[in-house]
C-alpha cells in the first residue's frame, strides 16, 4: 500500500514537499517513483529512486527543480519540488515497481507507458497558480 500526501495550492516559484509512505511490502526490493497526471493528459513518470541503492532518476521536465529522496527506516519517499510552474499542476501519484529498470524507463522515456507499475497510491493534487 502506498499513501501520498503533501499536495496543495501554491504560487509559481514556490515549493512543496510530497511524501509517499509504503507499507505491506518489502520496499527495499523496489523502485518507488512519482508520477503525475494533468487534466486531459496521460499519466507520466517524473522521478524514481531505487530503494536498494538510492540511485535517483528524473524526467527532463523536472530535472534541477525536483529532488527525490528516501528514508528507508520509515519506508517513505519524498519529492521536494522547488521553483514550481503552472505546468506542474497535476494529480501526483506515487508508485512502486519490482523492476528498477522499468521504473527508470517510465521516468526517462516520455513515450513509455505507466500501465505496468506494480503498485499505486491515491493521488494528491498539486496546483500552481501564476
Protein backbone atom coordinates (compact mmCIF):
# COMPACT_ATOMS: atom_id res chain seq x y z
CA UNK A 1 0.00 0.00 0.00
CA UNK A 2 1.22 3.48 -0.84
CA UNK A 3 -0.07 6.68 0.69
CA UNK A 4 0.83 10.00 -0.89
CA UNK A 5 0.41 13.32 0.87
CA UNK A 6 1.62 16.90 0.81
CA UNK A 7 -0.14 18.40 -2.16
CA UNK A 8 -1.67 21.85 -2.12
CA UNK A 9 -2.11 25.19 -3.82
CA UNK A 10 0.98 27.36 -4.26
CA UNK A 11 2.09 30.24 -6.41
CA UNK A 12 4.62 29.93 -9.19
CA UNK A 13 8.15 29.86 -7.85
CA UNK A 14 7.17 28.37 -4.51
CA UNK A 15 7.95 24.91 -3.14
CA UNK A 16 6.12 21.84 -1.89
CA UNK A 17 7.26 18.52 -0.47
CA UNK A 18 5.32 15.37 -1.18
CA UNK A 19 5.58 12.22 0.93
CA UNK A 20 4.85 8.62 -0.01
CA UNK A 21 4.56 6.11 2.81
CA UNK A 22 4.88 2.45 1.79
CA UNK A 23 3.52 -0.50 3.72
CA UNK A 24 2.70 -4.15 3.17
CA UNK A 25 5.72 -4.99 1.03
CA UNK A 26 9.47 -5.01 1.32
CA UNK A 27 10.21 -1.65 -0.22
CA UNK A 28 13.97 -2.33 -0.35
CA UNK A 29 13.31 -4.60 -3.32
CA UNK A 30 11.52 -1.94 -5.31
CA UNK A 31 11.91 1.30 -7.14
CA UNK A 32 9.46 3.91 -5.90
CA UNK A 33 8.58 6.77 -8.14
CA UNK A 34 6.48 9.86 -8.54
CA UNK A 35 4.10 10.24 -11.41
CA UNK A 36 1.66 12.94 -12.36
CA UNK A 37 -1.40 13.33 -14.48
CA UNK A 38 -2.66 16.68 -15.70
CA UNK A 39 -6.24 17.09 -16.96
CA UNK A 40 -6.60 15.58 -20.41
CA UNK A 41 -3.11 14.12 -20.42
CA UNK A 42 -1.57 10.72 -19.90
CA UNK A 43 0.00 9.85 -16.58
CA UNK A 44 3.74 10.43 -16.80
CA UNK A 45 6.71 9.40 -14.70
CA UNK A 46 8.77 12.25 -13.31
CA UNK A 47 11.19 10.71 -10.83
CA UNK A 48 12.11 7.42 -9.21
CA UNK A 49 14.53 6.08 -6.65
CA UNK A 50 15.97 2.63 -6.16
CA UNK A 51 15.24 1.75 -2.56
CA UNK A 52 18.15 -0.70 -2.63
CA UNK A 53 20.98 1.63 -3.60
CA UNK A 54 19.45 5.10 -3.58
CA UNK A 55 20.03 5.80 -7.27
CA UNK A 56 17.76 8.57 -8.50
CA UNK A 57 16.33 9.41 -11.89
CA UNK A 58 14.40 12.35 -13.27
CA UNK A 59 12.40 13.37 -16.28
CA UNK A 60 13.86 16.31 -18.18
CA UNK A 61 10.82 18.41 -17.28
CA UNK A 62 11.70 18.40 -13.57
CA UNK A 63 15.45 17.89 -13.57
CA UNK A 64 17.17 20.55 -11.48
CA UNK A 65 13.94 21.60 -9.75
CA UNK A 66 12.68 18.41 -8.07
CA UNK A 67 14.61 16.14 -5.73
CA UNK A 68 13.57 12.63 -4.74
CA UNK A 69 14.85 11.07 -1.54
CA UNK A 70 14.02 8.19 0.75
CA UNK A 71 14.04 7.28 4.40
CA UNK A 72 14.26 3.51 4.31
CA UNK A 73 13.76 3.21 8.06
CA UNK A 74 10.36 4.86 7.62
CA UNK A 75 9.62 3.23 4.25
CA UNK A 76 8.93 6.73 2.97
CA UNK A 77 9.90 8.51 -0.22
CA UNK A 78 9.84 12.27 -0.58
CA UNK A 79 9.66 14.61 -3.54
CA UNK A 80 10.93 18.10 -2.88
CA UNK A 81 9.53 20.37 -5.58
CA UNK A 82 11.13 23.78 -5.97
CA UNK A 83 10.57 26.58 -8.47
CA UNK A 84 7.12 25.26 -9.25
CA UNK A 85 5.50 26.31 -12.50
CA UNK A 86 1.84 26.39 -13.54
CA UNK A 87 2.56 23.49 -15.91
CA UNK A 88 3.43 21.35 -12.87
CA UNK A 89 -0.26 21.43 -11.93
CA UNK A 90 -1.48 17.83 -11.81
CA UNK A 91 -2.54 15.00 -9.57
CA UNK A 92 0.64 13.44 -8.25
CA UNK A 93 0.82 9.70 -7.56
CA UNK A 94 3.48 7.53 -6.07
CA UNK A 95 4.02 4.09 -7.50
CA UNK A 96 6.28 1.14 -6.81
CA UNK A 97 7.70 -1.44 -9.16
CA UNK A 98 9.82 -4.53 -8.60
CA UNK A 99 11.77 -3.73 -11.76
CA UNK A 100 14.05 -0.77 -11.23
CA UNK A 101 14.80 -0.82 -14.97
CA UNK A 102 11.14 -0.45 -15.88
CA UNK A 103 10.70 2.42 -13.43
CA UNK A 104 13.73 4.15 -14.93
CA UNK A 105 12.34 3.66 -18.44
CA UNK A 106 8.99 5.14 -17.48
CA UNK A 107 10.66 8.20 -15.94
CA UNK A 108 13.29 8.88 -18.60
CA UNK A 109 11.33 7.98 -21.74
CA UNK A 110 8.22 10.12 -22.08
CA UNK A 111 6.80 7.67 -24.62
CA UNK A 112 6.88 4.79 -22.13
CA UNK A 113 3.54 3.93 -20.58
CA UNK A 114 2.96 3.72 -16.84
CA UNK A 115 0.42 0.90 -17.01
CA UNK A 116 2.85 -1.77 -15.84
CA UNK A 117 3.68 -0.22 -12.47
CA UNK A 118 3.01 -2.81 -9.75
CA UNK A 119 1.51 -0.66 -7.01
CA UNK A 120 -0.16 2.72 -6.97
CA UNK A 121 -1.17 5.06 -4.20
CA UNK A 122 -4.04 7.50 -4.33
CA UNK A 123 -3.09 10.83 -5.80
CA UNK A 124 -2.54 14.18 -4.20
CA UNK A 125 -3.45 17.39 -6.03
CA UNK A 126 -0.78 19.98 -6.74
CA UNK A 127 -1.99 23.29 -8.13
CA UNK A 128 0.42 26.05 -9.10
CA UNK A 129 -1.07 29.44 -9.82
CA UNK A 130 0.64 32.02 -12.00
